[in-house]
């Protein structure tokens, strides 16, 4: 269970998949396109595992959602922070921490691959 800077009224949802990614930017755009209620998408640091990353904000009924996603050559993932209150926390930094908990470099692949 991840419990970075979140508190009791938050849910943090993580979903990721491994596979070959030919175009990181296009895949990131596609991921956010699956969630039309998430806007204000902005680039964030992908962290030491490399690739590209972004976060966007939205609202689903009574809940505020910040969705962050990363894509690299071998994986793609989404982290959604859901809360009844809007938070001003930089979720991009939390994305890097969560990603480092769920994604591990593959032995034999060069760094940032």
PDB file of N, CA and C in Angstrom:
ATOM      1  N   UNK A   1       0.842  -1.170   0.000  1.00  0.00           N
ATOM      2  CA  UNK A   1       0.000   0.000   0.000  1.00  0.00           C
ATOM      3  C   UNK A   1       0.891   1.239   0.000  1.00  0.00           C
ATOM      4  N   UNK A   2       0.577   2.198  -0.823  1.00  0.00           N
ATOM      5  CA  UNK A   2       1.349   3.438  -0.888  1.00  0.00           C
ATOM      6  C   UNK A   2       0.691   4.490  -0.001  1.00  0.00           C
ATOM      7  N   UNK A   3       1.486   5.165   0.806  1.00  0.00           N
ATOM      8  CA  UNK A   3       0.951   6.202   1.687  1.00  0.00           C
ATOM      9  C   UNK A   3       1.934   7.354   1.810  1.00  0.00           C
ATOM     10  N   UNK A   4       2.359   7.945   0.694  1.00  0.00           N
ATOM     11  CA  UNK A   4       3.295   9.058   0.685  1.00  0.00           C
ATOM     12  C   UNK A   4       2.751  10.254   1.425  1.00  0.00           C
ATOM     13  N   UNK A   5       2.417  11.318   0.728  1.00  0.00           N
ATOM     14  CA  UNK A   5       1.901  12.527   1.355  1.00  0.00           C
ATOM     15  C   UNK A   5       0.374  12.535   1.404  1.00  0.00           C
ATOM     16  N   UNK A   6      -0.244  11.394   1.231  1.00  0.00           N
ATOM     17  CA  UNK A   6      -1.698  11.335   1.250  1.00  0.00           C
ATOM     18  C   UNK A   6      -2.199  11.222   2.675  1.00  0.00           C
ATOM     19  N   UNK A   7      -3.472  11.484   2.880  1.00  0.00           N
ATOM     20  CA  UNK A   7      -4.062  11.286   4.193  1.00  0.00           C
ATOM     21  C   UNK A   7      -5.303  10.405   4.055  1.00  0.00           C
ATOM     22  N   UNK A   8      -6.011  10.219   5.149  1.00  0.00           N
ATOM     23  CA  UNK A   8      -7.054   9.199   5.227  1.00  0.00           C
ATOM     24  C   UNK A   8      -8.170   9.338   4.194  1.00  0.00           C
ATOM     25  N   UNK A   9      -8.466  10.550   3.711  1.00  0.00           N
ATOM     26  CA  UNK A   9      -9.585  10.689   2.785  1.00  0.00           C
ATOM     27  C   UNK A   9      -9.161  10.575   1.319  1.00  0.00           C
ATOM     28  N   UNK A  10      -7.975  10.102   1.082  1.00  0.00           N
ATOM     29  CA  UNK A  10      -7.473   9.916  -0.280  1.00  0.00           C
ATOM     30  C   UNK A  10      -7.480   8.448  -0.682  1.00  0.00           C
ATOM     31  N   UNK A  11      -7.662   8.225  -1.958  1.00  0.00           N
ATOM     32  CA  UNK A  11      -7.404   6.912  -2.534  1.00  0.00           C
ATOM     33  C   UNK A  11      -6.308   7.104  -3.573  1.00  0.00           C
ATOM     34  N   UNK A  12      -5.375   6.181  -3.616  1.00  0.00           N
ATOM     35  CA  UNK A  12      -4.309   6.211  -4.614  1.00  0.00           C
ATOM     36  C   UNK A  12      -4.413   4.916  -5.409  1.00  0.00           C
ATOM     37  N   UNK A  13      -4.708   5.056  -6.701  1.00  0.00           N
ATOM     38  CA  UNK A  13      -4.896   3.904  -7.571  1.00  0.00           C
ATOM     39  C   UNK A  13      -3.714   3.813  -8.524  1.00  0.00           C
ATOM     40  N   UNK A  14      -3.153   2.621  -8.666  1.00  0.00           N
ATOM     41  CA  UNK A  14      -1.994   2.417  -9.525  1.00  0.00           C
ATOM     42  C   UNK A  14      -2.297   1.301 -10.510  1.00  0.00           C
ATOM     43  N   UNK A  15      -1.989   1.553 -11.778  1.00  0.00           N
ATOM     44  CA  UNK A  15      -2.151   0.545 -12.817  1.00  0.00           C
ATOM     45  C   UNK A  15      -0.988   0.679 -13.789  1.00  0.00           C
ATOM     46  N   UNK A  16      -0.358  -0.439 -14.134  1.00  0.00           N
ATOM     47  CA  UNK A  16       0.782  -0.396 -15.044  1.00  0.00           C
ATOM     48  C   UNK A  16       0.860  -1.680 -15.855  1.00  0.00           C
ATOM     49  N   UNK A  17       1.551  -1.589 -16.969  1.00  0.00           N
ATOM     50  CA  UNK A  17       1.738  -2.756 -17.832  1.00  0.00           C
ATOM     51  C   UNK A  17       3.128  -2.698 -18.447  1.00  0.00           C
ATOM     52  N   UNK A  18       3.677  -3.861 -18.736  1.00  0.00           N
ATOM     53  CA  UNK A  18       4.983  -3.955 -19.387  1.00  0.00           C
ATOM     54  C   UNK A  18       4.795  -4.414 -20.828  1.00  0.00           C
ATOM     55  N   UNK A  19       5.660  -3.953 -21.692  1.00  0.00           N
ATOM     56  CA  UNK A  19       5.610  -4.326 -23.103  1.00  0.00           C
ATOM     57  C   UNK A  19       6.496  -3.390 -23.898  1.00  0.00           C
ATOM     58  N   UNK A  20       6.523  -3.554 -25.180  1.00  0.00           N
ATOM     59  CA  UNK A  20       7.342  -2.713 -26.041  1.00  0.00           C
ATOM     60  C   UNK A  20       6.575  -1.453 -26.413  1.00  0.00           C
ATOM     61  N   UNK A  21       7.204  -0.305 -26.197  1.00  0.00           N
ATOM     62  CA  UNK A  21       6.607   0.982 -26.554  1.00  0.00           C
ATOM     63  C   UNK A  21       7.473   1.607 -27.636  1.00  0.00           C
ATOM     64  N   UNK A  22       6.879   1.863 -28.774  1.00  0.00           N
ATOM     65  CA  UNK A  22       7.634   2.441 -29.891  1.00  0.00           C
ATOM     66  C   UNK A  22       7.691   3.965 -29.835  1.00  0.00           C
ATOM     67  N   UNK A  23       6.628   4.609 -29.368  1.00  0.00           N
ATOM     68  CA  UNK A  23       6.562   6.068 -29.334  1.00  0.00           C
ATOM     69  C   UNK A  23       6.042   6.495 -27.965  1.00  0.00           C
ATOM     70  N   UNK A  24       6.962   6.893 -27.094  1.00  0.00           N
ATOM     71  CA  UNK A  24       6.601   7.232 -25.717  1.00  0.00           C
ATOM     72  C   UNK A  24       5.608   8.396 -25.646  1.00  0.00           C
ATOM     73  N   UNK A  25       5.877   9.466 -26.383  1.00  0.00           N
ATOM     74  CA  UNK A  25       5.002  10.649 -26.344  1.00  0.00           C
ATOM     75  C   UNK A  25       3.590  10.323 -26.833  1.00  0.00           C
ATOM     76  N   UNK A  26       3.495   9.587 -27.937  1.00  0.00           N
ATOM     77  CA  UNK A  26       2.182   9.238 -28.480  1.00  0.00           C
ATOM     78  C   UNK A  26       1.410   8.344 -27.508  1.00  0.00           C
ATOM     79  N   UNK A  27       2.117   7.433 -26.856  1.00  0.00           N
ATOM     80  CA  UNK A  27       1.463   6.545 -25.896  1.00  0.00           C
ATOM     81  C   UNK A  27       0.971   7.333 -24.687  1.00  0.00           C
ATOM     82  N   UNK A  28       1.755   8.298 -24.222  1.00  0.00           N
ATOM     83  CA  UNK A  28       1.330   9.149 -23.107  1.00  0.00           C
ATOM     84  C   UNK A  28       0.082   9.947 -23.481  1.00  0.00           C
ATOM     85  N   UNK A  29       0.067  10.496 -24.678  1.00  0.00           N
ATOM     86  CA  UNK A  29      -1.100  11.237 -25.166  1.00  0.00           C
ATOM     87  C   UNK A  29      -2.325  10.325 -25.225  1.00  0.00           C
ATOM     88  N   UNK A  30      -2.142   9.097 -25.685  1.00  0.00           N
ATOM     89  CA  UNK A  30      -3.242   8.131 -25.760  1.00  0.00           C
ATOM     90  C   UNK A  30      -3.787   7.821 -24.375  1.00  0.00           C
ATOM     91  N   UNK A  31      -2.891   7.630 -23.397  1.00  0.00           N
ATOM     92  CA  UNK A  31      -3.349   7.339 -22.034  1.00  0.00           C
ATOM     93  C   UNK A  31      -4.253   8.453 -21.505  1.00  0.00           C
ATOM     94  N   UNK A  32      -3.831   9.704 -21.664  1.00  0.00           N
ATOM     95  CA  UNK A  32      -4.659  10.805 -21.172  1.00  0.00           C
ATOM     96  C   UNK A  32      -5.933  10.955 -22.001  1.00  0.00           C
ATOM     97  N   UNK A  33      -5.899  10.565 -23.262  1.00  0.00           N
ATOM     98  CA  UNK A  33      -7.094  10.608 -24.103  1.00  0.00           C
ATOM     99  C   UNK A  33      -8.181   9.659 -23.642  1.00  0.00           C
ATOM    100  N   UNK A  34      -7.799   8.629 -22.883  1.00  0.00           N
ATOM    101  CA  UNK A  34      -8.774   7.676 -22.344  1.00  0.00           C
ATOM    102  C   UNK A  34      -9.586   8.273 -21.198  1.00  0.00           C
ATOM    103  N   UNK A  35      -9.133   9.410 -20.680  1.00  0.00           N
ATOM    104  CA  UNK A  35      -9.777  10.048 -19.533  1.00  0.00           C
ATOM    105  C   UNK A  35     -10.112  11.497 -19.880  1.00  0.00           C
ATOM    106  N   UNK A  36     -11.192  11.725 -20.628  1.00  0.00           N
ATOM    107  CA  UNK A  36     -11.504  13.081 -21.098  1.00  0.00           C
ATOM    108  C   UNK A  36     -11.828  14.073 -19.983  1.00  0.00           C
ATOM    109  N   UNK A  37     -12.164  13.603 -18.794  1.00  0.00           N
ATOM    110  CA  UNK A  37     -12.453  14.532 -17.697  1.00  0.00           C
ATOM    111  C   UNK A  37     -11.181  15.064 -17.045  1.00  0.00           C
ATOM    112  N   UNK A  38     -10.017  14.535 -17.439  1.00  0.00           N
ATOM    113  CA  UNK A  38      -8.738  15.012 -16.912  1.00  0.00           C
ATOM    114  C   UNK A  38      -8.157  16.010 -17.901  1.00  0.00           C
ATOM    115  N   UNK A  39      -7.953  17.231 -17.431  1.00  0.00           N
ATOM    116  CA  UNK A  39      -7.402  18.289 -18.274  1.00  0.00           C
ATOM    117  C   UNK A  39      -6.191  18.913 -17.620  1.00  0.00           C
ATOM    118  N   UNK A  40      -5.803  20.068 -18.126  1.00  0.00           N
ATOM    119  CA  UNK A  40      -4.641  20.778 -17.594  1.00  0.00           C
ATOM    120  C   UNK A  40      -3.431  19.858 -17.506  1.00  0.00           C
ATOM    121  N   UNK A  41      -3.238  19.025 -18.525  1.00  0.00           N
ATOM    122  CA  UNK A  41      -2.128  18.070 -18.523  1.00  0.00           C
ATOM    123  C   UNK A  41      -0.818  18.824 -18.722  1.00  0.00           C
ATOM    124  N   UNK A  42       0.144  18.505 -17.851  1.00  0.00           N
ATOM    125  CA  UNK A  42       1.442  19.168 -17.906  1.00  0.00           C
ATOM    126  C   UNK A  42       2.551  18.130 -17.741  1.00  0.00           C
ATOM    127  N   UNK A  43       3.664  18.363 -18.405  1.00  0.00           N
ATOM    128  CA  UNK A  43       4.818  17.476 -18.297  1.00  0.00           C
ATOM    129  C   UNK A  43       5.406  17.562 -16.901  1.00  0.00           C
ATOM    130  N   UNK A  44       5.844  16.424 -16.376  1.00  0.00           N
ATOM    131  CA  UNK A  44       6.548  16.360 -15.096  1.00  0.00           C
ATOM    132  C   UNK A  44       7.781  15.486 -15.276  1.00  0.00           C
ATOM    133  N   UNK A  45       8.665  15.533 -14.312  1.00  0.00           N
ATOM    134  CA  UNK A  45       9.880  14.731 -14.345  1.00  0.00           C
ATOM    135  C   UNK A  45       9.526  13.249 -14.243  1.00  0.00           C
ATOM    136  N   UNK A  46      10.065  12.440 -15.143  1.00  0.00           N
ATOM    137  CA  UNK A  46       9.802  11.000 -15.124  1.00  0.00           C
ATOM    138  C   UNK A  46      10.663  10.277 -14.092  1.00  0.00           C
ATOM    139  N   UNK A  47      11.668  10.935 -13.556  1.00  0.00           N
ATOM    140  CA  UNK A  47      12.520  10.324 -12.543  1.00  0.00           C
ATOM    141  C   UNK A  47      13.646   9.510 -13.126  1.00  0.00           C
ATOM    142  N   UNK A  48      14.383   8.805 -12.262  1.00  0.00           N
ATOM    143  CA  UNK A  48      15.586   8.089 -12.693  1.00  0.00           C
ATOM    144  C   UNK A  48      15.336   6.897 -13.621  1.00  0.00           C
ATOM    145  N   UNK A  49      14.101   6.416 -13.706  1.00  0.00           N
ATOM    146  CA  UNK A  49      13.810   5.301 -14.602  1.00  0.00           C
ATOM    147  C   UNK A  49      13.600   5.767 -16.040  1.00  0.00           C
ATOM    148  N   UNK A  50      13.568   7.078 -16.264  1.00  0.00           N
ATOM    149  CA  UNK A  50      13.506   7.632 -17.618  1.00  0.00           C
ATOM    150  C   UNK A  50      12.126   7.610 -18.239  1.00  0.00           C
ATOM    151  N   UNK A  51      12.099   7.900 -19.530  1.00  0.00           N
ATOM    152  CA  UNK A  51      10.840   7.975 -20.260  1.00  0.00           C
ATOM    153  C   UNK A  51      10.244   9.367 -20.177  1.00  0.00           C
ATOM    154  N   UNK A  52       8.936   9.434 -20.344  1.00  0.00           N
ATOM    155  CA  UNK A  52       8.196  10.692 -20.277  1.00  0.00           C
ATOM    156  C   UNK A  52       7.090  10.542 -19.239  1.00  0.00           C
ATOM    157  N   UNK A  53       6.665  11.676 -18.671  1.00  0.00           N
ATOM    158  CA  UNK A  53       5.606  11.633 -17.665  1.00  0.00           C
ATOM    159  C   UNK A  53       4.826  12.936 -17.708  1.00  0.00           C
ATOM    160  N   UNK A  54       3.590  12.871 -17.237  1.00  0.00           N
ATOM    161  CA  UNK A  54       2.729  14.053 -17.176  1.00  0.00           C
ATOM    162  C   UNK A  54       1.685  13.842 -16.093  1.00  0.00           C
ATOM    163  N   UNK A  55       1.104  14.951 -15.640  1.00  0.00           N
ATOM    164  CA  UNK A  55      -0.002  14.913 -14.682  1.00  0.00           C
ATOM    165  C   UNK A  55      -1.102  15.846 -15.168  1.00  0.00           C
ATOM    166  N   UNK A  56      -2.337  15.508 -14.840  1.00  0.00           N
ATOM    167  CA  UNK A  56      -3.476  16.344 -15.184  1.00  0.00           C
ATOM    168  C   UNK A  56      -4.494  16.305 -14.063  1.00  0.00           C
ATOM    169  N   UNK A  57      -5.377  17.283 -14.054  1.00  0.00           N
ATOM    170  CA  UNK A  57      -6.381  17.388 -12.999  1.00  0.00           C
ATOM    171  C   UNK A  57      -7.784  17.303 -13.581  1.00  0.00           C
ATOM    172  N   UNK A  58      -8.693  16.792 -12.778  1.00  0.00           N
ATOM    173  CA  UNK A  58     -10.078  16.708 -13.212  1.00  0.00           C
ATOM    174  C   UNK A  58     -10.992  16.517 -12.028  1.00  0.00           C
ATOM    175  N   UNK A  59     -12.228  16.340 -12.355  1.00  0.00           N
ATOM    176  CA  UNK A  59     -13.235  16.125 -11.316  1.00  0.00           C
ATOM    177  C   UNK A  59     -14.220  15.092 -11.834  1.00  0.00           C
ATOM    178  N   UNK A  60     -14.568  14.166 -10.968  1.00  0.00           N
ATOM    179  CA  UNK A  60     -15.528  13.130 -11.303  1.00  0.00           C
ATOM    180  C   UNK A  60     -16.626  13.185 -10.250  1.00  0.00           C
ATOM    181  N   UNK A  61     -17.705  13.902 -10.565  1.00  0.00           N
ATOM    182  CA  UNK A  61     -18.762  14.066  -9.577  1.00  0.00           C
ATOM    183  C   UNK A  61     -18.259  14.867  -8.398  1.00  0.00           C
ATOM    184  N   UNK A  62     -18.288  14.278  -7.227  1.00  0.00           N
ATOM    185  CA  UNK A  62     -17.855  15.010  -6.033  1.00  0.00           C
ATOM    186  C   UNK A  62     -16.374  14.826  -5.714  1.00  0.00           C
ATOM    187  N   UNK A  63     -15.648  14.073  -6.525  1.00  0.00           N
ATOM    188  CA  UNK A  63     -14.245  13.797  -6.249  1.00  0.00           C
ATOM    189  C   UNK A  63     -13.307  14.567  -7.162  1.00  0.00           C
ATOM    190  N   UNK A  64     -12.215  15.049  -6.578  1.00  0.00           N
ATOM    191  CA  UNK A  64     -11.129  15.661  -7.340  1.00  0.00           C
ATOM    192  C   UNK A  64     -10.133  14.560  -7.681  1.00  0.00           C
ATOM    193  N   UNK A  65      -9.640  14.593  -8.905  1.00  0.00           N
ATOM    194  CA  UNK A  65      -8.705  13.572  -9.370  1.00  0.00           C
ATOM    195  C   UNK A  65      -7.476  14.255  -9.949  1.00  0.00           C
ATOM    196  N   UNK A  66      -6.311  13.820  -9.507  1.00  0.00           N
ATOM    197  CA  UNK A  66      -5.076  14.167 -10.196  1.00  0.00           C
ATOM    198  C   UNK A  66      -4.541  12.857 -10.745  1.00  0.00           C
ATOM    199  N   UNK A  67      -4.390  12.798 -12.049  1.00  0.00           N
ATOM    200  CA  UNK A  67      -3.892  11.595 -12.696  1.00  0.00           C
ATOM    201  C   UNK A  67      -2.504  11.875 -13.242  1.00  0.00           C
ATOM    202  N   UNK A  68      -1.566  11.029 -12.895  1.00  0.00           N
ATOM    203  CA  UNK A  68      -0.221  11.113 -13.432  1.00  0.00           C
ATOM    204  C   UNK A  68       0.063   9.819 -14.183  1.00  0.00           C
ATOM    205  N   UNK A  69       0.874   9.923 -15.220  1.00  0.00           N
ATOM    206  CA  UNK A  69       1.211   8.736 -16.011  1.00  0.00           C
ATOM    207  C   UNK A  69       2.657   8.827 -16.460  1.00  0.00           C
ATOM    208  N   UNK A  70       3.258   7.656 -16.638  1.00  0.00           N
ATOM    209  CA  UNK A  70       4.589   7.583 -17.224  1.00  0.00           C
ATOM    210  C   UNK A  70       4.578   6.584 -18.359  1.00  0.00           C
ATOM    211  N   UNK A  71       5.502   6.770 -19.281  1.00  0.00           N
ATOM    212  CA  UNK A  71       5.713   5.820 -20.373  1.00  0.00           C
ATOM    213  C   UNK A  71       7.210   5.785 -20.648  1.00  0.00           C
ATOM    214  N   UNK A  72       7.762   4.572 -20.751  1.00  0.00           N
ATOM    215  CA  UNK A  72       9.136   4.418 -21.206  1.00  0.00           C
ATOM    216  C   UNK A  72       9.154   3.322 -22.264  1.00  0.00           C
ATOM    217  N   UNK A  73      10.314   2.879 -22.681  1.00  0.00           N
ATOM    218  CA  UNK A  73      10.386   1.916 -23.789  1.00  0.00           C
ATOM    219  C   UNK A  73       9.794   0.559 -23.460  1.00  0.00           C
ATOM    220  N   UNK A  74       9.643   0.245 -22.166  1.00  0.00           N
ATOM    221  CA  UNK A  74       9.170  -1.086 -21.792  1.00  0.00           C
ATOM    222  C   UNK A  74       7.968  -1.095 -20.852  1.00  0.00           C
ATOM    223  N   UNK A  75       7.423   0.085 -20.522  1.00  0.00           N
ATOM    224  CA  UNK A  75       6.278   0.089 -19.606  1.00  0.00           C
ATOM    225  C   UNK A  75       5.464   1.362 -19.736  1.00  0.00           C
ATOM    226  N   UNK A  76       4.253   1.286 -19.220  1.00  0.00           N
ATOM    227  CA  UNK A  76       3.373   2.450 -19.124  1.00  0.00           C
ATOM    228  C   UNK A  76       2.556   2.275 -17.857  1.00  0.00           C
ATOM    229  N   UNK A  77       2.312   3.372 -17.163  1.00  0.00           N
ATOM    230  CA  UNK A  77       1.549   3.269 -15.936  1.00  0.00           C
ATOM    231  C   UNK A  77       0.805   4.549 -15.607  1.00  0.00           C
ATOM    232  N   UNK A  78      -0.225   4.388 -14.791  1.00  0.00           N
ATOM    233  CA  UNK A  78      -1.061   5.503 -14.346  1.00  0.00           C
ATOM    234  C   UNK A  78      -1.158   5.443 -12.826  1.00  0.00           C
ATOM    235  N   UNK A  79      -1.057   6.617 -12.202  1.00  0.00           N
ATOM    236  CA  UNK A  79      -1.305   6.758 -10.769  1.00  0.00           C
ATOM    237  C   UNK A  79      -2.379   7.826 -10.631  1.00  0.00           C
ATOM    238  N   UNK A  80      -3.501   7.467 -10.030  1.00  0.00           N
ATOM    239  CA  UNK A  80      -4.602   8.415  -9.839  1.00  0.00           C
ATOM    240  C   UNK A  80      -4.772   8.696  -8.354  1.00  0.00           C
ATOM    241  N   UNK A  81      -4.766   9.976  -8.014  1.00  0.00           N
ATOM    242  CA  UNK A  81      -4.980  10.436  -6.649  1.00  0.00           C
ATOM    243  C   UNK A  81      -6.416  10.972  -6.590  1.00  0.00           C
ATOM    244  N   UNK A  82      -7.253  10.368  -5.764  1.00  0.00           N
ATOM    245  CA  UNK A  82      -8.672  10.722  -5.696  1.00  0.00           C
ATOM    246  C   UNK A  82      -8.987  11.214  -4.291  1.00  0.00           C
ATOM    247  N   UNK A  83      -9.683  12.344  -4.203  1.00  0.00           N
ATOM    248  CA  UNK A  83     -10.006  12.920  -2.905  1.00  0.00           C
ATOM    249  C   UNK A  83     -11.273  13.768  -3.006  1.00  0.00           C
ATOM    250  N   UNK A  84     -12.036  13.856  -1.926  1.00  0.00           N
ATOM    251  CA  UNK A  84     -13.200  14.750  -1.944  1.00  0.00           C
ATOM    252  C   UNK A  84     -12.787  16.226  -1.881  1.00  0.00           C
ATOM    253  N   UNK A  85     -11.526  16.505  -1.530  1.00  0.00           N
ATOM    254  CA  UNK A  85     -11.025  17.884  -1.455  1.00  0.00           C
ATOM    255  C   UNK A  85      -9.898  18.082  -2.456  1.00  0.00           C
ATOM    256  N   UNK A  86      -9.844  19.250  -3.064  1.00  0.00           N
ATOM    257  CA  UNK A  86      -8.750  19.552  -3.980  1.00  0.00           C
ATOM    258  C   UNK A  86      -7.475  19.772  -3.172  1.00  0.00           C
ATOM    259  N   UNK A  87      -6.406  19.142  -3.598  1.00  0.00           N
ATOM    260  CA  UNK A  87      -5.115  19.258  -2.924  1.00  0.00           C
ATOM    261  C   UNK A  87      -4.151  20.031  -3.809  1.00  0.00           C
ATOM    262  N   UNK A  88      -3.275  20.797  -3.199  1.00  0.00           N
ATOM    263  CA  UNK A  88      -2.290  21.567  -3.948  1.00  0.00           C
ATOM    264  C   UNK A  88      -0.910  20.927  -3.890  1.00  0.00           C
ATOM    265  N   UNK A  89      -0.854  19.665  -3.541  1.00  0.00           N
ATOM    266  CA  UNK A  89       0.402  18.926  -3.460  1.00  0.00           C
ATOM    267  C   UNK A  89       0.913  18.643  -4.872  1.00  0.00           C
ATOM    268  N   UNK A  90       2.230  18.701  -5.045  1.00  0.00           N
ATOM    269  CA  UNK A  90       2.839  18.376  -6.333  1.00  0.00           C
ATOM    270  C   UNK A  90       2.841  16.863  -6.514  1.00  0.00           C
ATOM    271  N   UNK A  91       1.869  16.349  -7.228  1.00  0.00           N
ATOM    272  CA  UNK A  91       1.736  14.905  -7.411  1.00  0.00           C
ATOM    273  C   UNK A  91       2.809  14.336  -8.340  1.00  0.00           C
ATOM    274  N   UNK A  92       3.440  15.183  -9.150  1.00  0.00           N
ATOM    275  CA  UNK A  92       4.526  14.708 -10.004  1.00  0.00           C
ATOM    276  C   UNK A  92       5.662  14.111  -9.191  1.00  0.00           C
ATOM    277  N   UNK A  93       5.973  14.722  -8.064  1.00  0.00           N
ATOM    278  CA  UNK A  93       7.026  14.182  -7.192  1.00  0.00           C
ATOM    279  C   UNK A  93       6.595  12.844  -6.596  1.00  0.00           C
ATOM    280  N   UNK A  94       5.325  12.741  -6.234  1.00  0.00           N
ATOM    281  CA  UNK A  94       4.835  11.467  -5.700  1.00  0.00           C
ATOM    282  C   UNK A  94       4.826  10.381  -6.765  1.00  0.00           C
ATOM    283  N   UNK A  95       4.569  10.765  -8.019  1.00  0.00           N
ATOM    284  CA  UNK A  95       4.612   9.789  -9.116  1.00  0.00           C
ATOM    285  C   UNK A  95       5.964   9.100  -9.151  1.00  0.00           C
ATOM    286  N   UNK A  96       7.040   9.860  -9.061  1.00  0.00           N
ATOM    287  CA  UNK A  96       8.388   9.287  -9.114  1.00  0.00           C
ATOM    288  C   UNK A  96       8.583   8.292  -7.973  1.00  0.00           C
ATOM    289  N   UNK A  97       8.125   8.637  -6.771  1.00  0.00           N
ATOM    290  CA  UNK A  97       8.254   7.729  -5.633  1.00  0.00           C
ATOM    291  C   UNK A  97       7.450   6.450  -5.804  1.00  0.00           C
ATOM    292  N   UNK A  98       6.226   6.589  -6.253  1.00  0.00           N
ATOM    293  CA  UNK A  98       5.372   5.410  -6.456  1.00  0.00           C
ATOM    294  C   UNK A  98       5.939   4.546  -7.576  1.00  0.00           C
ATOM    295  N   UNK A  99       6.342   5.172  -8.656  1.00  0.00           N
ATOM    296  CA  UNK A  99       6.903   4.412  -9.784  1.00  0.00           C
ATOM    297  C   UNK A  99       8.117   3.607  -9.339  1.00  0.00           C
ATOM    298  N   UNK A 100       8.963   4.187  -8.499  1.00  0.00           N
ATOM    299  CA  UNK A 100      10.155   3.460  -8.047  1.00  0.00           C
ATOM    300  C   UNK A 100       9.805   2.264  -7.173  1.00  0.00           C
ATOM    301  N   UNK A 101       8.597   2.264  -6.616  1.00  0.00           N
ATOM    302  CA  UNK A 101       8.142   1.123  -5.810  1.00  0.00           C
ATOM    303  C   UNK A 101       7.557   0.000  -6.657  1.00  0.00           C
ATOM    304  N   UNK A 102       7.046   0.322  -7.836  1.00  0.00           N
ATOM    305  CA  UNK A 102       6.351  -0.693  -8.636  1.00  0.00           C
ATOM    306  C   UNK A 102       7.082  -1.102  -9.905  1.00  0.00           C
ATOM    307  N   UNK A 103       8.080  -0.330 -10.324  1.00  0.00           N
ATOM    308  CA  UNK A 103       8.812  -0.650 -11.559  1.00  0.00           C
ATOM    309  C   UNK A 103      10.278  -0.848 -11.232  1.00  0.00           C
ATOM    310  N   UNK A 104      10.847  -1.908 -11.780  1.00  0.00           N
ATOM    311  CA  UNK A 104      12.247  -2.203 -11.546  1.00  0.00           C
ATOM    312  C   UNK A 104      12.953  -2.371 -12.873  1.00  0.00           C
ATOM    313  N   UNK A 105      14.201  -1.881 -12.966  1.00  0.00           N
ATOM    314  CA  UNK A 105      14.959  -2.063 -14.213  1.00  0.00           C
ATOM    315  C   UNK A 105      15.151  -3.542 -14.518  1.00  0.00           C
ATOM    316  N   UNK A 106      15.151  -3.860 -15.785  1.00  0.00           N
ATOM    317  CA  UNK A 106      15.370  -5.243 -16.214  1.00  0.00           C
ATOM    318  C   UNK A 106      16.868  -5.476 -16.336  1.00  0.00           C
ATOM    319  N   UNK A 107      17.404  -6.511 -15.665  1.00  0.00           N
ATOM    320  CA  UNK A 107      18.846  -6.784 -15.758  1.00  0.00           C
ATOM    321  C   UNK A 107      19.255  -6.978 -17.218  1.00  0.00           C
ATOM    322  N   UNK A 108      20.368  -6.366 -17.594  1.00  0.00           N
ATOM    323  CA  UNK A 108      20.866  -6.494 -18.953  1.00  0.00           C
ATOM    324  C   UNK A 108      20.457  -5.369 -19.876  1.00  0.00           C
ATOM    325  N   UNK A 109      19.398  -4.622 -19.509  1.00  0.00           N
ATOM    326  CA  UNK A 109      19.004  -3.461 -20.322  1.00  0.00           C
ATOM    327  C   UNK A 109      19.828  -2.263 -19.892  1.00  0.00           C
ATOM    328  N   UNK A 110      20.239  -1.414 -20.827  1.00  0.00           N
ATOM    329  CA  UNK A 110      20.951  -0.193 -20.431  1.00  0.00           C
ATOM    330  C   UNK A 110      20.066   0.666 -19.537  1.00  0.00           C
ATOM    331  N   UNK A 111      20.695   1.513 -18.724  1.00  0.00           N
ATOM    332  CA  UNK A 111      19.957   2.422 -17.837  1.00  0.00           C
ATOM    333  C   UNK A 111      18.999   3.279 -18.632  1.00  0.00           C
ATOM    334  N   UNK A 112      17.900   3.685 -18.005  1.00  0.00           N
ATOM    335  CA  UNK A 112      16.848   4.516 -18.608  1.00  0.00           C
ATOM    336  C   UNK A 112      16.174   3.849 -19.793  1.00  0.00           C
ATOM    337  N   UNK A 113      16.065   2.548 -19.788  1.00  0.00           N
ATOM    338  CA  UNK A 113      15.404   1.842 -20.884  1.00  0.00           C
ATOM    339  C   UNK A 113      14.141   1.187 -20.374  1.00  0.00           C
TER     340      UNK A 113
END
